[in-house]
């Protein structure tokens, strides 16, 4: 009987450890999801700030971050040209 009690106790302890570990993993996963949601909000707002910045300084020649501002404006022109070509091809 002594061996059965020891095995039973060991199994119960291991089960308790496994449950604890599962809870820990679930809690970490939930926290990582919250971190990802916060980072998504940050990224979205950074993009919005950048868009507003370019719009505010689109005609300024001495704007901060001039190189990036010009790159965005040039890319916008490129997008419009490519869209026009697509329309021409489609008829």
C-alpha atoms as a PDB file:
ATOM      1  CA  UNK A   1       0.000   0.000   0.000  1.00  0.00           C
ATOM      2  CA  UNK A   2       2.853   2.335   0.746  1.00  0.00           C
ATOM      3  CA  UNK A   3       4.085   2.232  -2.881  1.00  0.00           C
ATOM      4  CA  UNK A   4       0.589   2.945  -4.230  1.00  0.00           C
ATOM      5  CA  UNK A   5       0.252   5.941  -1.926  1.00  0.00           C
ATOM      6  CA  UNK A   6       3.649   7.301  -3.015  1.00  0.00           C
ATOM      7  CA  UNK A   7       2.837   6.854  -6.706  1.00  0.00           C
ATOM      8  CA  UNK A   8      -0.587   8.400  -6.193  1.00  0.00           C
ATOM      9  CA  UNK A   9       0.968  11.355  -4.378  1.00  0.00           C
ATOM     10  CA  UNK A  10       3.574  11.813  -7.108  1.00  0.00           C
ATOM     11  CA  UNK A  11       0.940  11.702  -9.848  1.00  0.00           C
ATOM     12  CA  UNK A  12      -1.206  14.233  -7.982  1.00  0.00           C
ATOM     13  CA  UNK A  13       1.778  16.559  -7.543  1.00  0.00           C
ATOM     14  CA  UNK A  14       2.754  16.308 -11.220  1.00  0.00           C
ATOM     15  CA  UNK A  15      -0.850  16.983 -12.248  1.00  0.00           C
ATOM     16  CA  UNK A  16      -0.891  20.060  -9.993  1.00  0.00           C
ATOM     17  CA  UNK A  17       2.369  21.286 -11.554  1.00  0.00           C
ATOM     18  CA  UNK A  18       1.006  20.723 -15.058  1.00  0.00           C
ATOM     19  CA  UNK A  19      -2.167  22.671 -14.285  1.00  0.00           C
ATOM     20  CA  UNK A  20      -0.087  25.497 -12.851  1.00  0.00           C
ATOM     21  CA  UNK A  21       2.142  25.554 -15.907  1.00  0.00           C
ATOM     22  CA  UNK A  22      -0.893  25.555 -18.229  1.00  0.00           C
ATOM     23  CA  UNK A  23      -2.345  28.547 -16.362  1.00  0.00           C
ATOM     24  CA  UNK A  24       1.003  30.328 -16.609  1.00  0.00           C
ATOM     25  CA  UNK A  25       1.209  29.713 -20.356  1.00  0.00           C
ATOM     26  CA  UNK A  26      -2.381  30.921 -20.850  1.00  0.00           C
ATOM     27  CA  UNK A  27      -1.683  34.083 -18.834  1.00  0.00           C
ATOM     28  CA  UNK A  28       1.484  34.794 -20.839  1.00  0.00           C
ATOM     29  CA  UNK A  29      -0.408  34.275 -24.108  1.00  0.00           C
ATOM     30  CA  UNK A  30      -3.138  36.697 -22.999  1.00  0.00           C
ATOM     31  CA  UNK A  31      -0.541  39.307 -22.034  1.00  0.00           C
ATOM     32  CA  UNK A  32       1.258  38.881 -25.370  1.00  0.00           C
ATOM     33  CA  UNK A  33      -2.057  39.463 -27.160  1.00  0.00           C
ATOM     34  CA  UNK A  34      -2.523  42.669 -25.170  1.00  0.00           C
ATOM     35  CA  UNK A  35       1.018  43.771 -26.054  1.00  0.00           C
ATOM     36  CA  UNK A  36       0.300  43.125 -29.748  1.00  0.00           C
ATOM     37  CA  UNK A  37      -2.922  45.159 -29.532  1.00  0.00           C
ATOM     38  CA  UNK A  38      -1.070  48.076 -27.927  1.00  0.00           C
ATOM     39  CA  UNK A  39       1.682  47.915 -30.541  1.00  0.00           C
ATOM     40  CA  UNK A  40      -0.960  47.945 -33.286  1.00  0.00           C
ATOM     41  CA  UNK A  41      -2.479  51.117 -31.798  1.00  0.00           C
ATOM     42  CA  UNK A  42       0.977  52.702 -31.657  1.00  0.00           C
ATOM     43  CA  UNK A  43       1.749  51.760 -35.266  1.00  0.00           C
ATOM     44  CA  UNK A  44      -1.614  53.038 -36.518  1.00  0.00           C
ATOM     45  CA  UNK A  45      -1.114  56.363 -34.773  1.00  0.00           C
ATOM     46  CA  UNK A  46       2.464  56.742 -36.002  1.00  0.00           C
ATOM     47  CA  UNK A  47       1.178  56.240 -39.543  1.00  0.00           C
ATOM     48  CA  UNK A  48      -1.548  58.821 -39.001  1.00  0.00           C
ATOM     49  CA  UNK A  49       0.977  61.308 -37.600  1.00  0.00           C
ATOM     50  CA  UNK A  50       3.189  60.760 -40.643  1.00  0.00           C
ATOM     51  CA  UNK A  51       0.286  61.239 -43.029  1.00  0.00           C
ATOM     52  CA  UNK A  52      -0.753  64.472 -41.301  1.00  0.00           C
ATOM     53  CA  UNK A  53       2.851  65.664 -41.314  1.00  0.00           C
ATOM     54  CA  UNK A  54       3.209  65.159 -45.052  1.00  0.00           C
ATOM     55  CA  UNK A  55      -0.104  66.910 -45.685  1.00  0.00           C
ATOM     56  CA  UNK A  56       0.897  69.866 -43.497  1.00  0.00           C
ATOM     57  CA  UNK A  57       4.280  70.301 -45.170  1.00  0.00           C
ATOM     58  CA  UNK A  58       3.492  69.153 -48.707  1.00  0.00           C
ATOM     59  CA  UNK A  59       4.278  72.577 -50.222  1.00  0.00           C
ATOM     60  CA  UNK A  60       7.133  73.545 -47.893  1.00  0.00           C
ATOM     61  CA  UNK A  61      10.667  73.335 -49.256  1.00  0.00           C
ATOM     62  CA  UNK A  62      12.419  73.433 -45.893  1.00  0.00           C
ATOM     63  CA  UNK A  63      10.218  70.939 -44.063  1.00  0.00           C
ATOM     64  CA  UNK A  64      11.695  68.641 -41.443  1.00  0.00           C
ATOM     65  CA  UNK A  65      12.468  65.205 -42.842  1.00  0.00           C
ATOM     66  CA  UNK A  66      12.532  66.650 -46.348  1.00  0.00           C
ATOM     67  CA  UNK A  67      13.959  63.513 -47.946  1.00  0.00           C
ATOM     68  CA  UNK A  68      11.162  61.308 -46.616  1.00  0.00           C
ATOM     69  CA  UNK A  69       8.500  63.903 -47.412  1.00  0.00           C
ATOM     70  CA  UNK A  70       9.649  64.078 -51.025  1.00  0.00           C
ATOM     71  CA  UNK A  71       9.804  60.295 -51.243  1.00  0.00           C
ATOM     72  CA  UNK A  72       6.190  60.024 -50.092  1.00  0.00           C
ATOM     73  CA  UNK A  73       5.023  62.685 -52.510  1.00  0.00           C
ATOM     74  CA  UNK A  74       6.929  61.060 -55.399  1.00  0.00           C
ATOM     75  CA  UNK A  75       5.471  57.683 -54.521  1.00  0.00           C
ATOM     76  CA  UNK A  76       1.977  59.187 -54.555  1.00  0.00           C
ATOM     77  CA  UNK A  77       2.611  60.524 -58.059  1.00  0.00           C
ATOM     78  CA  UNK A  78       3.891  57.088 -59.071  1.00  0.00           C
ATOM     79  CA  UNK A  79       0.764  55.415 -57.686  1.00  0.00           C
ATOM     80  CA  UNK A  80      -1.462  57.726 -59.693  1.00  0.00           C
ATOM     81  CA  UNK A  81       0.526  57.079 -62.890  1.00  0.00           C
ATOM     82  CA  UNK A  82       0.367  53.322 -62.364  1.00  0.00           C
ATOM     83  CA  UNK A  83      -3.380  53.459 -61.690  1.00  0.00           C
ATOM     84  CA  UNK A  84      -3.849  55.470 -64.894  1.00  0.00           C
ATOM     85  CA  UNK A  85      -1.891  52.825 -66.847  1.00  0.00           C
ATOM     86  CA  UNK A  86      -4.031  50.067 -65.341  1.00  0.00           C
ATOM     87  CA  UNK A  87      -7.176  51.891 -66.463  1.00  0.00           C
ATOM     88  CA  UNK A  88      -5.744  52.258 -69.978  1.00  0.00           C
ATOM     89  CA  UNK A  89      -4.971  48.549 -70.184  1.00  0.00           C
ATOM     90  CA  UNK A  90      -8.435  47.605 -68.928  1.00  0.00           C
ATOM     91  CA  UNK A  91      -9.986  49.861 -71.572  1.00  0.00           C
END
